[in-house]
Structure formats: structure tokens, C-alpha cells
C-alpha atoms as a PDB file:
ATOM      1  CA  MET A   1      93.032  18.635  11.222  1.00  0.00           C
ATOM      2  CA  ILE A   2      94.179  21.314  13.657  1.00  0.00           C
ATOM      3  CA  ARG A   3      92.605  20.948  17.071  1.00  0.00           C
ATOM      4  CA  HIS A   4      91.916  23.900  19.307  1.00  0.00           C
ATOM      5  CA  ARG A   5      90.667  23.764  22.868  1.00  0.00           C
ATOM      6  CA  ASN A   6      86.826  23.637  22.798  1.00  0.00           C
ATOM      7  CA  ARG A   7      86.831  24.026  19.011  1.00  0.00           C
ATOM      8  CA  HIS A   8      85.970  21.633  16.233  1.00  0.00           C
ATOM      9  CA  ARG A   9      85.759  21.666  12.455  1.00  0.00           C
ATOM     10  CA  TYR A  10      82.376  22.507  11.030  1.00  0.00           C
ATOM     11  CA  ARG A  11      81.456  20.812   7.749  1.00  0.00           C
ATOM     12  CA  PHE A  12      80.339  23.971   5.966  1.00  0.00           C
ATOM     13  CA  GLY A  13      81.419  25.178   2.574  1.00  0.00           C
ATOM     14  CA  ASN A  14      84.794  23.693   1.728  1.00  0.00           C
ATOM     15  CA  GLY A  15      85.453  22.620   5.326  1.00  0.00           C
ATOM     16  CA  ASN A  16      87.772  25.526   6.181  1.00  0.00           C
ATOM     17  CA  CYS A  17      85.428  27.117   8.714  1.00  0.00           C
ATOM     18  CA  GLU A  18      85.553  26.413  12.414  1.00  0.00           C
ATOM     19  CA  CYS A  19      83.084  26.958  15.207  1.00  0.00           C
ATOM     20  CA  SER A  20      83.139  26.773  18.980  1.00  0.00           C
ATOM     21  CA  GLY A  21      80.239  25.078  20.755  1.00  0.00           C
ATOM     22  CA  ASN A  22      76.960  26.244  19.212  1.00  0.00           C
ATOM     23  CA  GLU A  23      78.582  29.338  17.696  1.00  0.00           C
ATOM     24  CA  ARG A  24      78.447  29.424  13.906  1.00  0.00           C
ATOM     25  CA  GLN A  25      81.625  30.629  12.252  1.00  0.00           C
ATOM     26  CA  ALA A  26      81.357  32.994   9.329  1.00  0.00           C
ATOM     27  CA  CYS A  27      83.149  32.443   6.005  1.00  0.00           C
ATOM     28  CA  PRO A  28      83.379  34.291   2.689  1.00  0.00           C
ATOM     29  CA  LEU A  29      80.623  33.409   0.224  1.00  0.00           C
ATOM     30  CA  SER A  30      83.323  32.168  -2.144  1.00  0.00           C
ATOM     31  CA  ASP A  31      84.083  29.275   0.289  1.00  0.00           C
ATOM     32  CA  VAL A  32      80.515  27.911   0.272  1.00  0.00           C
ATOM     33  CA  GLN A  33      79.533  24.766  -1.639  1.00  0.00           C
ATOM     34  CA  GLU A  34      76.998  24.983  -4.445  1.00  0.00           C
ATOM     35  CA  GLY A  35      73.426  24.426  -3.275  1.00  0.00           C
ATOM     36  CA  THR A  36      74.007  25.723   0.252  1.00  0.00           C
ATOM     37  CA  ILE A  37      71.684  28.268   1.847  1.00  0.00           C
ATOM     38  CA  VAL A  38      73.523  30.849   3.924  1.00  0.00           C
ATOM     39  CA  LYS A  39      72.768  34.099   5.720  1.00  0.00           C
ATOM     40  CA  ILE A  40      74.800  37.235   5.057  1.00  0.00           C
ATOM     41  CA  LYS A  41      76.518  38.445   8.226  1.00  0.00           C
ATOM     42  CA  GLN A  42      78.755  41.247   6.972  1.00  0.00           C
ATOM     43  CA  LEU A  43      79.810  43.103   3.839  1.00  0.00           C
ATOM     44  CA  ARG A  44      83.554  43.830   3.777  1.00  0.00           C
ATOM     45  CA  ALA A  45      83.902  45.950   0.665  1.00  0.00           C
ATOM     46  CA  CYS A  46      84.398  49.690   0.204  1.00  0.00           C
ATOM     47  CA  PRO A  47      81.401  51.800   1.328  1.00  0.00           C
ATOM     48  CA  GLU A  48      80.268  52.440  -2.257  1.00  0.00           C
ATOM     49  CA  MET A  49      80.290  48.726  -3.107  1.00  0.00           C
ATOM     50  CA  CYS A  50      78.492  47.837   0.140  1.00  0.00           C
ATOM     51  CA  GLN A  51      75.790  50.357  -0.678  1.00  0.00           C
ATOM     52  CA  ARG A  52      75.378  48.944  -4.190  1.00  0.00           C
ATOM     53  CA  LEU A  53      75.181  45.361  -2.875  1.00  0.00           C
ATOM     54  CA  ARG A  54      72.485  46.411  -0.400  1.00  0.00           C
ATOM     55  CA  GLU A  55      70.549  48.128  -3.192  1.00  0.00           C
ATOM     56  CA  MET A  56      70.591  44.820  -5.115  1.00  0.00           C
ATOM     57  CA  GLY A  57      69.248  42.945  -2.078  1.00  0.00           C
ATOM     58  CA  LEU A  58      72.512  41.522  -0.719  1.00  0.00           C
ATOM     59  CA  CYS A  59      72.187  42.994   2.754  1.00  0.00           C
ATOM     60  CA  GLU A  60      72.945  41.736   6.243  1.00  0.00           C
ATOM     61  CA  ASP A  61      70.651  38.925   7.517  1.00  0.00           C
ATOM     62  CA  GLN A  62      69.443  38.130   3.965  1.00  0.00           C
ATOM     63  CA  GLN A  63      69.313  34.404   3.192  1.00  0.00           C
ATOM     64  CA  ILE A  64      70.717  33.378  -0.167  1.00  0.00           C
ATOM     65  CA  ARG A  65      71.407  30.085  -1.956  1.00  0.00           C
ATOM     66  CA  LEU A  66      74.611  29.614  -3.910  1.00  0.00           C
ATOM     67  CA  LEU A  67      73.478  28.013  -7.170  1.00  0.00           C
ATOM     68  CA  LEU A  68      76.653  27.913  -9.250  1.00  0.00           C
ATOM     69  CA  LYS A  69      80.317  28.506  -8.530  1.00  0.00           C
ATOM     70  CA  GLU A  70      82.567  28.796 -11.572  1.00  0.00           C
ATOM     71  CA  ALA A  71      84.397  31.912 -12.846  1.00  0.00           C
ATOM     72  CA  ASN A  72      81.521  33.922 -11.351  1.00  0.00           C
ATOM     73  CA  LEU A  73      79.042  32.902  -8.658  1.00  0.00           C
ATOM     74  CA  ILE A  74      75.296  32.702  -9.251  1.00  0.00           C
ATOM     75  CA  CYS A  75      73.174  33.280  -6.154  1.00  0.00           C
ATOM     76  CA  GLN A  76      69.442  33.141  -5.630  1.00  0.00           C
ATOM     77  CA  LEU A  77      67.784  35.581  -3.281  1.00  0.00           C
ATOM     78  CA  CYS A  78      64.021  35.775  -3.079  1.00  0.00           C
ATOM     79  CA  ASN A  79      62.932  34.909  -6.643  1.00  0.00           C
ATOM     80  CA  MET A  80      65.907  36.523  -8.345  1.00  0.00           C
ATOM     81  CA  ARG A  81      69.225  35.126  -9.588  1.00  0.00           C
ATOM     82  CA  LEU A  82      72.264  37.337  -9.331  1.00  0.00           C
ATOM     83  CA  GLY A  83      75.750  36.845 -10.777  1.00  0.00           C
ATOM     84  CA  ILE A  84      78.713  38.205  -8.810  1.00  0.00           C
ATOM     85  CA  SER A  85      82.453  38.037  -9.272  1.00  0.00           C
ATOM     86  CA  GLN A  86      84.815  35.957  -7.150  1.00  0.00           C
ATOM     87  CA  GLU A  87      86.303  39.178  -5.748  1.00  0.00           C
ATOM     88  CA  ILE A  88      82.926  40.450  -4.560  1.00  0.00           C
ATOM     89  CA  ALA A  89      82.042  37.020  -3.144  1.00  0.00           C
ATOM     90  CA  ASP A  90      85.252  37.171  -1.090  1.00  0.00           C
ATOM     91  CA  SER A  91      83.945  40.354   0.560  1.00  0.00           C
ATOM     92  CA  ILE A  92      80.535  38.892   1.512  1.00  0.00           C
ATOM     93  CA  ILE A  93      80.790  37.122   4.865  1.00  0.00           C
ATOM     94  CA  VAL A  94      78.118  34.480   5.461  1.00  0.00           C
ATOM     95  CA  GLU A  95      77.149  31.855   8.030  1.00  0.00           C
ATOM     96  CA  PRO A  96      75.279  28.581   7.516  1.00  0.00           C
ATOM     97  CA  VAL A  97      71.544  28.389   8.059  1.00  0.00           C
ATOM     98  CA  ILE A  98      71.153  25.666  10.684  1.00  0.00           C
ATOM     99  CA  ASN A  99      67.929  23.788  11.386  1.00  0.00           C
ATOM    100  CA  GLY A 100      66.844  22.681  14.873  1.00  0.00           C
ATOM    101  CA  ASN A 101      68.848  19.429  14.611  1.00  0.00           C
ATOM    102  CA  GLY A 102      72.155  21.294  14.407  1.00  0.00           C
ATOM    103  CA  ASP A 103      72.901  20.453  10.800  1.00  0.00           C
ATOM    104  CA  ASN A 104      72.619  22.312   7.540  1.00  0.00           C
ATOM    105  CA  SER A 105      69.718  20.434   5.959  1.00  0.00           C
ATOM    106  CA  ASN A 106      69.450  23.131   3.303  1.00  0.00           C
ATOM    107  CA  THR A 107      72.401  21.790   1.348  1.00  0.00           C
ATOM    108  CA  VAL A 108      71.458  20.252  -1.977  1.00  0.00           C
ATOM    109  CA  ALA A 109      73.514  17.250  -3.078  1.00  0.00           C
ATOM    110  CA  LYS A 110      75.130  17.593  -6.495  1.00  0.00           C
ATOM    111  CA  PRO A 111      74.048  14.887  -8.982  1.00  0.00           C
END
């Protein structure tokens, strides 16, 4: 583990994200574990792709749950499931949804 002054590892996604104090560090959607609820912070694709993602409901501040992560990713937003490619998931920057206790209680354990 690499230590930085006033920084620590945050157990979110695959563990590659870091945060400082109460700040939540953003990661690509492709780094999130299945079953985790996250909030979209930024879309980093070309303007046309960003517009299309927003039209489908994947817009900034939208909460989504990553249901399945294989060749493509299956996300749930509202009452809809949406399949996206790994490449698109890399361009969607998300942050964990944290409850009042400071942990991500919205993560579902895999059986």
C-alpha cells in the first residue's frame, strides 16, 4: 500500500481509489464491484457520446447500481437496466454513495 500524507486507501470498487479525509475519490464505473450503488460525477467521453448517455438517463448526480460486470456492464438506474461497454464505463466517473456512518452500506455481498 502506498501511503501519502493525510491520505488513506478507501475500500471502494477494486480498492484502487484513494480519498483524503472525508473527501470521496472518484473512479471509473469499470472499477466498481458488482452490487455497489454509486453516483455519477462526470462523463469523460466525446460531446456526442455524453449527450447520448444523458438522454438515456446516465447524467451527473444520478445514482446507479452496478448489477453485472463481465464483457459488458449491466447497470440499474431507476427501474431500468442498461447494458454498456467496458469502454463507455471507463468514461463514466463515479463516487461511492456513503451513508451517515461513513461506509458504503449499499454494497450487496456476492453469494
